[in-house]
């Protein structure tokens, strides 16, 4: 989500402060571009929700894999005991 930023208003204020019109316009445009790339609180909240969802999926997958490995390991151990006796 973009943050609204009035580059024209900034350029006029810079001109009023003594900047040349071209310089004021260029600076306002550069600042406007920088501000438009900032993340908003809503952006961060959405990102946090996506990360939480992916983390839950990762936890589930890791639990399934670990459980599967444990079942296979127990199977090998039991098979080894059967071969010994």
PDB file of N, CA and C in Angstrom:
ATOM      1  N   UNK A   1       0.855  -1.165   0.000  1.00  0.00           N
ATOM      2  CA  UNK A   1       0.000   0.000   0.000  1.00  0.00           C
ATOM      3  C   UNK A   1       0.906   1.234   0.000  1.00  0.00           C
ATOM      4  N   UNK A   2       0.670   2.132  -0.921  1.00  0.00           N
ATOM      5  CA  UNK A   2       1.498   3.334  -1.055  1.00  0.00           C
ATOM      6  C   UNK A   2       1.057   4.400  -0.056  1.00  0.00           C
ATOM      7  N   UNK A   3       2.028   5.146   0.386  1.00  0.00           N
ATOM      8  CA  UNK A   3       1.758   6.270   1.276  1.00  0.00           C
ATOM      9  C   UNK A   3       1.534   7.497   0.399  1.00  0.00           C
ATOM     10  N   UNK A   4       0.408   8.193   0.566  1.00  0.00           N
ATOM     11  CA  UNK A   4       0.170   9.380  -0.267  1.00  0.00           C
ATOM     12  C   UNK A   4       1.206  10.463   0.049  1.00  0.00           C
ATOM     13  N   UNK A   5       1.770  11.035  -1.005  1.00  0.00           N
ATOM     14  CA  UNK A   5       2.803  12.054  -0.823  1.00  0.00           C
ATOM     15  C   UNK A   5       2.648  13.103  -1.921  1.00  0.00           C
ATOM     16  N   UNK A   6       2.529  14.342  -1.524  1.00  0.00           N
ATOM     17  CA  UNK A   6       2.302  15.442  -2.459  1.00  0.00           C
ATOM     18  C   UNK A   6       3.646  16.066  -2.857  1.00  0.00           C
ATOM     19  N   UNK A   7       4.178  15.628  -4.006  1.00  0.00           N
ATOM     20  CA  UNK A   7       5.475  16.129  -4.450  1.00  0.00           C
ATOM     21  C   UNK A   7       5.388  17.587  -4.897  1.00  0.00           C
ATOM     22  N   UNK A   8       4.259  17.978  -5.464  1.00  0.00           N
ATOM     23  CA  UNK A   8       4.100  19.363  -5.897  1.00  0.00           C
ATOM     24  C   UNK A   8       4.149  20.309  -4.703  1.00  0.00           C
ATOM     25  N   UNK A   9       3.471  19.933  -3.634  1.00  0.00           N
ATOM     26  CA  UNK A   9       3.468  20.762  -2.428  1.00  0.00           C
ATOM     27  C   UNK A   9       4.891  20.889  -1.869  1.00  0.00           C
ATOM     28  N   UNK A  10       5.634  19.772  -1.854  1.00  0.00           N
ATOM     29  CA  UNK A  10       7.011  19.811  -1.367  1.00  0.00           C
ATOM     30  C   UNK A  10       7.873  20.698  -2.263  1.00  0.00           C
ATOM     31  N   UNK A  11       7.719  20.557  -3.573  1.00  0.00           N
ATOM     32  CA  UNK A  11       8.511  21.371  -4.505  1.00  0.00           C
ATOM     33  C   UNK A  11       8.242  22.862  -4.271  1.00  0.00           C
ATOM     34  N   UNK A  12       6.995  23.221  -4.074  1.00  0.00           N
ATOM     35  CA  UNK A  12       6.665  24.637  -3.818  1.00  0.00           C
ATOM     36  C   UNK A  12       7.266  25.121  -2.506  1.00  0.00           C
ATOM     37  N   UNK A  13       7.249  24.267  -1.495  1.00  0.00           N
ATOM     38  CA  UNK A  13       7.849  24.659  -0.209  1.00  0.00           C
ATOM     39  C   UNK A  13       9.364  24.821  -0.340  1.00  0.00           C
ATOM     40  N   UNK A  14       9.979  23.926  -1.120  1.00  0.00           N
ATOM     41  CA  UNK A  14      11.427  24.046  -1.332  1.00  0.00           C
ATOM     42  C   UNK A  14      11.757  25.323  -2.103  1.00  0.00           C
ATOM     43  N   UNK A  15      10.941  25.634  -3.096  1.00  0.00           N
ATOM     44  CA  UNK A  15      11.140  26.888  -3.840  1.00  0.00           C
ATOM     45  C   UNK A  15      10.989  28.091  -2.907  1.00  0.00           C
ATOM     46  N   UNK A  16       9.994  28.054  -2.038  1.00  0.00           N
ATOM     47  CA  UNK A  16       9.774  29.151  -1.094  1.00  0.00           C
ATOM     48  C   UNK A  16      10.944  29.280  -0.126  1.00  0.00           C
ATOM     49  N   UNK A  17      11.629  28.168   0.127  1.00  0.00           N
ATOM     50  CA  UNK A  17      12.775  28.185   1.032  1.00  0.00           C
ATOM     51  C   UNK A  17      14.057  28.617   0.324  1.00  0.00           C
ATOM     52  N   UNK A  18      13.985  28.857  -1.004  1.00  0.00           N
ATOM     53  CA  UNK A  18      15.148  29.371  -1.705  1.00  0.00           C
ATOM     54  C   UNK A  18      15.776  28.435  -2.720  1.00  0.00           C
ATOM     55  N   UNK A  19      15.246  27.260  -2.899  1.00  0.00           N
ATOM     56  CA  UNK A  19      15.784  26.350  -3.906  1.00  0.00           C
ATOM     57  C   UNK A  19      15.344  26.804  -5.300  1.00  0.00           C
ATOM     58  N   UNK A  20      16.190  26.529  -6.284  1.00  0.00           N
ATOM     59  CA  UNK A  20      15.836  26.810  -7.674  1.00  0.00           C
ATOM     60  C   UNK A  20      14.683  25.893  -8.070  1.00  0.00           C
ATOM     61  N   UNK A  21      13.773  26.342  -8.953  1.00  0.00           N
ATOM     62  CA  UNK A  21      12.612  25.517  -9.318  1.00  0.00           C
ATOM     63  C   UNK A  21      12.974  24.113  -9.810  1.00  0.00           C
ATOM     64  N   UNK A  22      13.978  24.001 -10.669  1.00  0.00           N
ATOM     65  CA  UNK A  22      14.391  22.678 -11.175  1.00  0.00           C
ATOM     66  C   UNK A  22      14.902  21.802 -10.036  1.00  0.00           C
ATOM     67  N   UNK A  23      15.737  22.383  -9.182  1.00  0.00           N
ATOM     68  CA  UNK A  23      16.289  21.631  -8.061  1.00  0.00           C
ATOM     69  C   UNK A  23      15.172  21.213  -7.092  1.00  0.00           C
ATOM     70  N   UNK A  24      14.250  22.102  -6.817  1.00  0.00           N
ATOM     71  CA  UNK A  24      13.141  21.791  -5.915  1.00  0.00           C
ATOM     72  C   UNK A  24      12.288  20.660  -6.487  1.00  0.00           C
ATOM     73  N   UNK A  25      12.007  20.706  -7.792  1.00  0.00           N
ATOM     74  CA  UNK A  25      11.220  19.651  -8.433  1.00  0.00           C
ATOM     75  C   UNK A  25      11.932  18.313  -8.412  1.00  0.00           C
ATOM     76  N   UNK A  26      13.232  18.329  -8.708  1.00  0.00           N
ATOM     77  CA  UNK A  26      14.002  17.080  -8.708  1.00  0.00           C
ATOM     78  C   UNK A  26      14.070  16.467  -7.311  1.00  0.00           C
ATOM     79  N   UNK A  27      14.289  17.311  -6.321  1.00  0.00           N
ATOM     80  CA  UNK A  27      14.361  16.816  -4.942  1.00  0.00           C
ATOM     81  C   UNK A  27      13.011  16.247  -4.493  1.00  0.00           C
ATOM     82  N   UNK A  28      11.943  16.953  -4.814  1.00  0.00           N
ATOM     83  CA  UNK A  28      10.612  16.490  -4.427  1.00  0.00           C
ATOM     84  C   UNK A  28      10.302  15.154  -5.091  1.00  0.00           C
ATOM     85  N   UNK A  29      10.676  15.005  -6.350  1.00  0.00           N
ATOM     86  CA  UNK A  29      10.442  13.741  -7.065  1.00  0.00           C
ATOM     87  C   UNK A  29      11.246  12.604  -6.436  1.00  0.00           C
ATOM     88  N   UNK A  30      12.516  12.870  -6.105  1.00  0.00           N
ATOM     89  CA  UNK A  30      13.364  11.851  -5.497  1.00  0.00           C
ATOM     90  C   UNK A  30      12.826  11.444  -4.120  1.00  0.00           C
ATOM     91  N   UNK A  31      12.403  12.407  -3.347  1.00  0.00           N
ATOM     92  CA  UNK A  31      11.852  12.105  -2.021  1.00  0.00           C
ATOM     93  C   UNK A  31      10.536  11.337  -2.175  1.00  0.00           C
ATOM     94  N   UNK A  32       9.721  11.721  -3.142  1.00  0.00           N
ATOM     95  CA  UNK A  32       8.465  11.012  -3.397  1.00  0.00           C
ATOM     96  C   UNK A  32       8.690   9.555  -3.757  1.00  0.00           C
ATOM     97  N   UNK A  33       9.698   9.285  -4.584  1.00  0.00           N
ATOM     98  CA  UNK A  33      10.020   7.902  -4.946  1.00  0.00           C
ATOM     99  C   UNK A  33      10.481   7.110  -3.731  1.00  0.00           C
ATOM    100  N   UNK A  34      11.291   7.746  -2.873  1.00  0.00           N
ATOM    101  CA  UNK A  34      11.781   7.060  -1.678  1.00  0.00           C
ATOM    102  C   UNK A  34      10.632   6.756  -0.723  1.00  0.00           C
ATOM    103  N   UNK A  35       9.740   7.694  -0.548  1.00  0.00           N
ATOM    104  CA  UNK A  35       8.607   7.496   0.357  1.00  0.00           C
ATOM    105  C   UNK A  35       7.671   6.419  -0.171  1.00  0.00           C
ATOM    106  N   UNK A  36       7.517   6.332  -1.481  1.00  0.00           N
ATOM    107  CA  UNK A  36       6.593   5.344  -2.048  1.00  0.00           C
ATOM    108  C   UNK A  36       7.096   3.914  -1.867  1.00  0.00           C
ATOM    109  N   UNK A  37       8.377   3.752  -1.584  1.00  0.00           N
ATOM    110  CA  UNK A  37       8.913   2.406  -1.395  1.00  0.00           C
ATOM    111  C   UNK A  37       8.915   1.978   0.067  1.00  0.00           C
ATOM    112  N   UNK A  38       8.443   2.848   0.963  1.00  0.00           N
ATOM    113  CA  UNK A  38       8.394   2.498   2.380  1.00  0.00           C
ATOM    114  C   UNK A  38       7.225   1.554   2.647  1.00  0.00           C
ATOM    115  N   UNK A  39       7.410   0.668   3.610  1.00  0.00           N
ATOM    116  CA  UNK A  39       6.341  -0.257   3.994  1.00  0.00           C
ATOM    117  C   UNK A  39       5.448   0.412   5.029  1.00  0.00           C
ATOM    118  N   UNK A  40       4.156   0.199   4.890  1.00  0.00           N
ATOM    119  CA  UNK A  40       3.210   0.721   5.867  1.00  0.00           C
ATOM    120  C   UNK A  40       2.968  -0.329   6.947  1.00  0.00           C
ATOM    121  N   UNK A  41       2.275   0.067   7.997  1.00  0.00           N
ATOM    122  CA  UNK A  41       1.949  -0.867   9.064  1.00  0.00           C
ATOM    123  C   UNK A  41       1.086  -2.003   8.510  1.00  0.00           C
ATOM    124  N   UNK A  42       0.182  -1.677   7.600  1.00  0.00           N
ATOM    125  CA  UNK A  42      -0.663  -2.705   6.980  1.00  0.00           C
ATOM    126  C   UNK A  42       0.189  -3.683   6.177  1.00  0.00           C
ATOM    127  N   UNK A  43       1.213  -3.181   5.469  1.00  0.00           N
ATOM    128  CA  UNK A  43       2.115  -4.059   4.715  1.00  0.00           C
ATOM    129  C   UNK A  43       2.825  -5.029   5.658  1.00  0.00           C
ATOM    130  N   UNK A  44       3.318  -4.508   6.776  1.00  0.00           N
ATOM    131  CA  UNK A  44       4.041  -5.343   7.731  1.00  0.00           C
ATOM    132  C   UNK A  44       3.119  -6.366   8.385  1.00  0.00           C
ATOM    133  N   UNK A  45       1.887  -5.969   8.676  1.00  0.00           N
ATOM    134  CA  UNK A  45       0.924  -6.902   9.262  1.00  0.00           C
ATOM    135  C   UNK A  45       0.608  -8.028   8.284  1.00  0.00           C
ATOM    136  N   UNK A  46       0.402  -7.691   7.013  1.00  0.00           N
ATOM    137  CA  UNK A  46       0.127  -8.707   5.993  1.00  0.00           C
ATOM    138  C   UNK A  46       1.315  -9.655   5.850  1.00  0.00           C
ATOM    139  N   UNK A  47       2.513  -9.109   5.870  1.00  0.00           N
ATOM    140  CA  UNK A  47       3.713  -9.939   5.767  1.00  0.00           C
ATOM    141  C   UNK A  47       3.834 -10.865   6.973  1.00  0.00           C
ATOM    142  N   UNK A  48       3.553 -10.343   8.152  1.00  0.00           N
ATOM    143  CA  UNK A  48       3.612 -11.160   9.359  1.00  0.00           C
ATOM    144  C   UNK A  48       2.613 -12.319   9.279  1.00  0.00           C
ATOM    145  N   UNK A  49       1.429 -12.050   8.770  1.00  0.00           N
ATOM    146  CA  UNK A  49       0.419 -13.101   8.638  1.00  0.00           C
ATOM    147  C   UNK A  49       0.873 -14.173   7.647  1.00  0.00           C
ATOM    148  N   UNK A  50       1.479 -13.745   6.536  1.00  0.00           N
ATOM    149  CA  UNK A  50       1.979 -14.718   5.551  1.00  0.00           C
ATOM    150  C   UNK A  50       3.094 -15.570   6.142  1.00  0.00           C
ATOM    151  N   UNK A  51       3.995 -14.938   6.907  1.00  0.00           N
ATOM    152  CA  UNK A  51       5.099 -15.679   7.532  1.00  0.00           C
ATOM    153  C   UNK A  51       4.555 -16.671   8.547  1.00  0.00           C
ATOM    154  N   UNK A  52       3.584 -16.242   9.362  1.00  0.00           N
ATOM    155  CA  UNK A  52       2.988 -17.140  10.349  1.00  0.00           C
ATOM    156  C   UNK A  52       2.338 -18.350   9.684  1.00  0.00           C
ATOM    157  N   UNK A  53       1.635 -18.122   8.574  1.00  0.00           N
ATOM    158  CA  UNK A  53       0.977 -19.219   7.866  1.00  0.00           C
ATOM    159  C   UNK A  53       2.017 -20.205   7.327  1.00  0.00           C
ATOM    160  N   UNK A  54       3.080 -19.685   6.745  1.00  0.00           N
ATOM    161  CA  UNK A  54       4.127 -20.563   6.201  1.00  0.00           C
ATOM    162  C   UNK A  54       4.848 -21.303   7.323  1.00  0.00           C
ATOM    163  N   UNK A  55       5.019 -20.651   8.476  1.00  0.00           N
ATOM    164  CA  UNK A  55       5.676 -21.296   9.608  1.00  0.00           C
ATOM    165  C   UNK A  55       4.840 -22.455  10.130  1.00  0.00           C
ATOM    166  N   UNK A  56       3.530 -22.288  10.169  1.00  0.00           N
ATOM    167  CA  UNK A  56       2.650 -23.378  10.600  1.00  0.00           C
ATOM    168  C   UNK A  56       2.753 -24.570   9.647  1.00  0.00           C
ATOM    169  N   UNK A  57       2.805 -24.298   8.358  1.00  0.00           N
ATOM    170  CA  UNK A  57       2.957 -25.376   7.368  1.00  0.00           C
ATOM    171  C   UNK A  57       4.298 -26.073   7.555  1.00  0.00           C
ATOM    172  N   UNK A  58       5.349 -25.294   7.786  1.00  0.00           N
ATOM    173  CA  UNK A  58       6.675 -25.867   7.999  1.00  0.00           C
ATOM    174  C   UNK A  58       6.702 -26.737   9.254  1.00  0.00           C
ATOM    175  N   UNK A  59       6.086 -26.272  10.329  1.00  0.00           N
ATOM    176  CA  UNK A  59       6.035 -27.062  11.567  1.00  0.00           C
ATOM    177  C   UNK A  59       5.321 -28.391  11.326  1.00  0.00           C
ATOM    178  N   UNK A  60       4.192 -28.331  10.613  1.00  0.00           N
ATOM    179  CA  UNK A  60       3.434 -29.546  10.317  1.00  0.00           C
ATOM    180  C   UNK A  60       4.270 -30.523   9.495  1.00  0.00           C
ATOM    181  N   UNK A  61       4.908 -30.012   8.454  1.00  0.00           N
ATOM    182  CA  UNK A  61       5.725 -30.874   7.587  1.00  0.00           C
ATOM    183  C   UNK A  61       6.890 -31.489   8.349  1.00  0.00           C
ATOM    184  N   UNK A  62       7.528 -30.703   9.198  1.00  0.00           N
ATOM    185  CA  UNK A  62       8.668 -31.226   9.971  1.00  0.00           C
ATOM    186  C   UNK A  62       8.206 -32.279  10.969  1.00  0.00           C
ATOM    187  N   UNK A  63       7.029 -32.086  11.565  1.00  0.00           N
ATOM    188  CA  UNK A  63       6.490 -33.070  12.491  1.00  0.00           C
ATOM    189  C   UNK A  63       6.216 -34.384  11.769  1.00  0.00           C
ATOM    190  N   UNK A  64       5.627 -34.306  10.599  1.00  0.00           N
ATOM    191  CA  UNK A  64       5.342 -35.509   9.811  1.00  0.00           C
ATOM    192  C   UNK A  64       6.634 -36.221   9.423  1.00  0.00           C
ATOM    193  N   UNK A  65       7.618 -35.477   8.978  1.00  0.00           N
ATOM    194  CA  UNK A  65       8.883 -36.100   8.566  1.00  0.00           C
ATOM    195  C   UNK A  65       9.612 -36.741   9.739  1.00  0.00           C
ATOM    196  N   UNK A  66       9.641 -36.034  10.875  1.00  0.00           N
ATOM    197  CA  UNK A  66      10.316 -36.589  12.050  1.00  0.00           C
ATOM    198  C   UNK A  66       9.603 -37.849  12.525  1.00  0.00           C
ATOM    199  N   UNK A  67       8.276 -37.800  12.545  1.00  0.00           N
ATOM    200  CA  UNK A  67       7.511 -38.990  12.942  1.00  0.00           C
ATOM    201  C   UNK A  67       7.774 -40.154  12.014  1.00  0.00           C
ATOM    202  N   UNK A  68       7.820 -39.893  10.733  1.00  0.00           N
ATOM    203  CA  UNK A  68       8.096 -40.950   9.747  1.00  0.00           C
ATOM    204  C   UNK A  68       9.476 -41.551   9.961  1.00  0.00           C
ATOM    205  N   UNK A  69      10.459 -40.703  10.205  1.00  0.00           N
ATOM    206  CA  UNK A  69      11.819 -41.207  10.436  1.00  0.00           C
ATOM    207  C   UNK A  69      11.876 -42.055  11.700  1.00  0.00           C
ATOM    208  N   UNK A  70      11.130 -41.652  12.726  1.00  0.00           N
ATOM    209  CA  UNK A  70      11.118 -42.430  13.965  1.00  0.00           C
ATOM    210  C   UNK A  70      10.479 -43.796  13.743  1.00  0.00           C
ATOM    211  N   UNK A  71       9.401 -43.851  12.974  1.00  0.00           N
ATOM    212  CA  UNK A  71       8.738 -45.127  12.681  1.00  0.00           C
ATOM    213  C   UNK A  71       9.684 -46.051  11.921  1.00  0.00           C
ATOM    214  N   UNK A  72      10.389 -45.515  10.934  1.00  0.00           N
ATOM    215  CA  UNK A  72      11.343 -46.320  10.165  1.00  0.00           C
ATOM    216  C   UNK A  72      12.478 -46.802  11.067  1.00  0.00           C
ATOM    217  N   UNK A  73      12.975 -45.920  11.934  1.00  0.00           N
ATOM    218  CA  UNK A  73      14.070 -46.305  12.830  1.00  0.00           C
ATOM    219  C   UNK A  73      13.629 -47.416  13.786  1.00  0.00           C
ATOM    220  N   UNK A  74      12.441 -47.304  14.338  1.00  0.00           N
ATOM    221  CA  UNK A  74      11.926 -48.350  15.236  1.00  0.00           C
ATOM    222  C   UNK A  74      11.760 -49.655  14.461  1.00  0.00           C
ATOM    223  N   UNK A  75      11.302 -49.566  13.233  1.00  0.00           N
ATOM    224  CA  UNK A  75      11.171 -50.760  12.402  1.00  0.00           C
ATOM    225  C   UNK A  75      12.505 -51.453  12.191  1.00  0.00           C
ATOM    226  N   UNK A  76      13.554 -50.668  11.910  1.00  0.00           N
ATOM    227  CA  UNK A  76      14.878 -51.249  11.727  1.00  0.00           C
ATOM    228  C   UNK A  76      15.377 -51.891  13.018  1.00  0.00           C
ATOM    229  N   UNK A  77      15.144 -51.243  14.128  1.00  0.00           N
ATOM    230  CA  UNK A  77      15.591 -51.791  15.413  1.00  0.00           C
ATOM    231  C   UNK A  77      14.870 -53.111  15.703  1.00  0.00           C
ATOM    232  N   UNK A  78      13.550 -53.121  15.506  1.00  0.00           N
ATOM    233  CA  UNK A  78      12.797 -54.359  15.744  1.00  0.00           C
ATOM    234  C   UNK A  78      13.233 -55.462  14.778  1.00  0.00           C
ATOM    235  N   UNK A  79      13.483 -55.109  13.523  1.00  0.00           N
ATOM    236  CA  UNK A  79      13.960 -56.103  12.552  1.00  0.00           C
ATOM    237  C   UNK A  79      15.334 -56.642  12.977  1.00  0.00           C
ATOM    238  N   UNK A  80      16.183 -55.786  13.504  1.00  0.00           N
ATOM    239  CA  UNK A  80      17.500 -56.213  13.977  1.00  0.00           C
ATOM    240  C   UNK A  80      17.378 -57.164  15.146  1.00  0.00           C
ATOM    241  N   UNK A  81      16.465 -56.887  16.092  1.00  0.00           N
ATOM    242  CA  UNK A  81      16.256 -57.802  17.217  1.00  0.00           C
ATOM    243  C   UNK A  81      15.747 -59.164  16.743  1.00  0.00           C
ATOM    244  N   UNK A  82      14.881 -59.133  15.730  1.00  0.00           N
ATOM    245  CA  UNK A  82      14.333 -60.403  15.207  1.00  0.00           C
ATOM    246  C   UNK A  82      15.439 -61.231  14.567  1.00  0.00           C
ATOM    247  N   UNK A  83      16.398 -60.573  13.870  1.00  0.00           N
ATOM    248  CA  UNK A  83      17.503 -61.314  13.253  1.00  0.00           C
ATOM    249  C   UNK A  83      18.460 -61.879  14.295  1.00  0.00           C
ATOM    250  N   UNK A  84      18.592 -61.177  15.410  1.00  0.00           N
ATOM    251  CA  UNK A  84      19.519 -61.629  16.463  1.00  0.00           C
ATOM    252  C   UNK A  84      18.958 -62.871  17.150  1.00  0.00           C
ATOM    253  N   UNK A  85      17.667 -62.932  17.379  1.00  0.00           N
ATOM    254  CA  UNK A  85      17.062 -64.073  18.111  1.00  0.00           C
ATOM    255  C   UNK A  85      16.647 -65.126  17.200  1.00  0.00           C
TER     256      UNK A  85
END
